[in-house]
């Protein structure tokens, strides 16, 4: 990710899903 810090959560089963959020949002908002 271009040297940027990245937070991620791994849970569940099945194919991976990538969700990107904008400014002012957080992982907890999902």
N, C-alpha and C. Protein backbone atom coordinates (compact mmCIF):
# COMPACT_ATOMS: atom_id res chain seq x y z
N UNK A 1 0.82 -1.19 0.00
CA UNK A 1 0.00 0.00 0.00
C UNK A 1 0.86 1.25 0.00
N UNK A 2 1.95 1.23 -0.69
CA UNK A 2 2.76 2.43 -0.84
C UNK A 2 3.43 2.91 0.44
N UNK A 3 3.75 2.00 1.36
CA UNK A 3 4.41 2.39 2.60
C UNK A 3 3.48 2.94 3.67
N UNK A 4 2.18 2.95 3.42
CA UNK A 4 1.22 3.47 4.39
C UNK A 4 0.82 2.39 5.38
N UNK A 5 0.46 2.84 6.59
CA UNK A 5 -0.05 1.90 7.58
C UNK A 5 -1.43 1.42 7.13
N UNK A 6 -1.67 0.13 7.30
CA UNK A 6 -2.94 -0.46 6.89
C UNK A 6 -3.49 -1.26 8.04
N UNK A 7 -4.76 -1.03 8.37
CA UNK A 7 -5.46 -1.86 9.36
C UNK A 7 -6.35 -2.83 8.61
N UNK A 8 -6.43 -4.04 9.10
CA UNK A 8 -7.30 -5.02 8.46
C UNK A 8 -7.86 -5.98 9.48
N UNK A 9 -8.93 -6.64 9.12
CA UNK A 9 -9.57 -7.61 10.00
C UNK A 9 -9.77 -8.89 9.19
N UNK A 10 -9.41 -10.01 9.80
CA UNK A 10 -9.60 -11.32 9.17
C UNK A 10 -10.66 -12.06 9.97
N UNK A 11 -11.75 -12.46 9.31
CA UNK A 11 -12.80 -13.22 9.99
C UNK A 11 -13.64 -13.96 8.96
N UNK A 12 -14.34 -14.96 9.43
CA UNK A 12 -15.25 -15.70 8.55
C UNK A 12 -14.54 -16.67 7.62
N UNK A 13 -15.30 -17.13 6.63
CA UNK A 13 -14.80 -18.09 5.65
C UNK A 13 -15.26 -17.65 4.27
N UNK A 14 -14.65 -18.21 3.26
CA UNK A 14 -15.04 -17.89 1.89
C UNK A 14 -14.08 -16.91 1.25
N UNK A 15 -14.46 -16.37 0.09
CA UNK A 15 -13.57 -15.47 -0.63
C UNK A 15 -13.32 -14.17 0.13
N UNK A 16 -12.18 -13.58 -0.11
CA UNK A 16 -11.82 -12.31 0.54
C UNK A 16 -12.62 -11.16 -0.05
N UNK A 17 -12.90 -10.17 0.79
CA UNK A 17 -13.58 -8.94 0.37
C UNK A 17 -12.73 -7.78 0.87
N UNK A 18 -12.44 -6.84 -0.01
CA UNK A 18 -11.67 -5.66 0.37
C UNK A 18 -12.62 -4.48 0.40
N UNK A 19 -12.67 -3.78 1.56
CA UNK A 19 -13.54 -2.61 1.70
C UNK A 19 -12.66 -1.42 2.04
N UNK A 20 -12.73 -0.39 1.24
CA UNK A 20 -11.95 0.83 1.46
C UNK A 20 -12.88 1.92 1.97
N UNK A 21 -12.38 2.70 2.92
CA UNK A 21 -13.20 3.80 3.44
C UNK A 21 -12.52 5.13 3.18
N UNK A 22 -13.27 6.18 3.27
CA UNK A 22 -12.75 7.52 3.01
C UNK A 22 -12.30 8.23 4.27
N UNK A 23 -11.96 9.47 4.12
CA UNK A 23 -11.51 10.30 5.24
C UNK A 23 -12.64 10.44 6.26
N UNK A 24 -12.29 10.33 7.53
CA UNK A 24 -13.28 10.48 8.58
C UNK A 24 -14.03 9.22 8.92
N UNK A 25 -13.66 8.11 8.35
CA UNK A 25 -14.31 6.83 8.64
C UNK A 25 -13.28 5.90 9.27
N UNK A 26 -13.74 4.81 9.85
CA UNK A 26 -12.81 3.87 10.48
C UNK A 26 -13.28 2.44 10.27
N UNK A 27 -12.41 1.51 10.61
CA UNK A 27 -12.73 0.08 10.50
C UNK A 27 -13.99 -0.25 11.29
N UNK A 28 -14.17 0.38 12.44
CA UNK A 28 -15.32 0.09 13.29
C UNK A 28 -16.64 0.54 12.65
N UNK A 29 -16.59 1.49 11.71
CA UNK A 29 -17.81 1.95 11.04
C UNK A 29 -18.43 0.87 10.16
N UNK A 30 -17.66 -0.10 9.70
CA UNK A 30 -18.20 -1.14 8.85
C UNK A 30 -19.07 -2.04 9.69
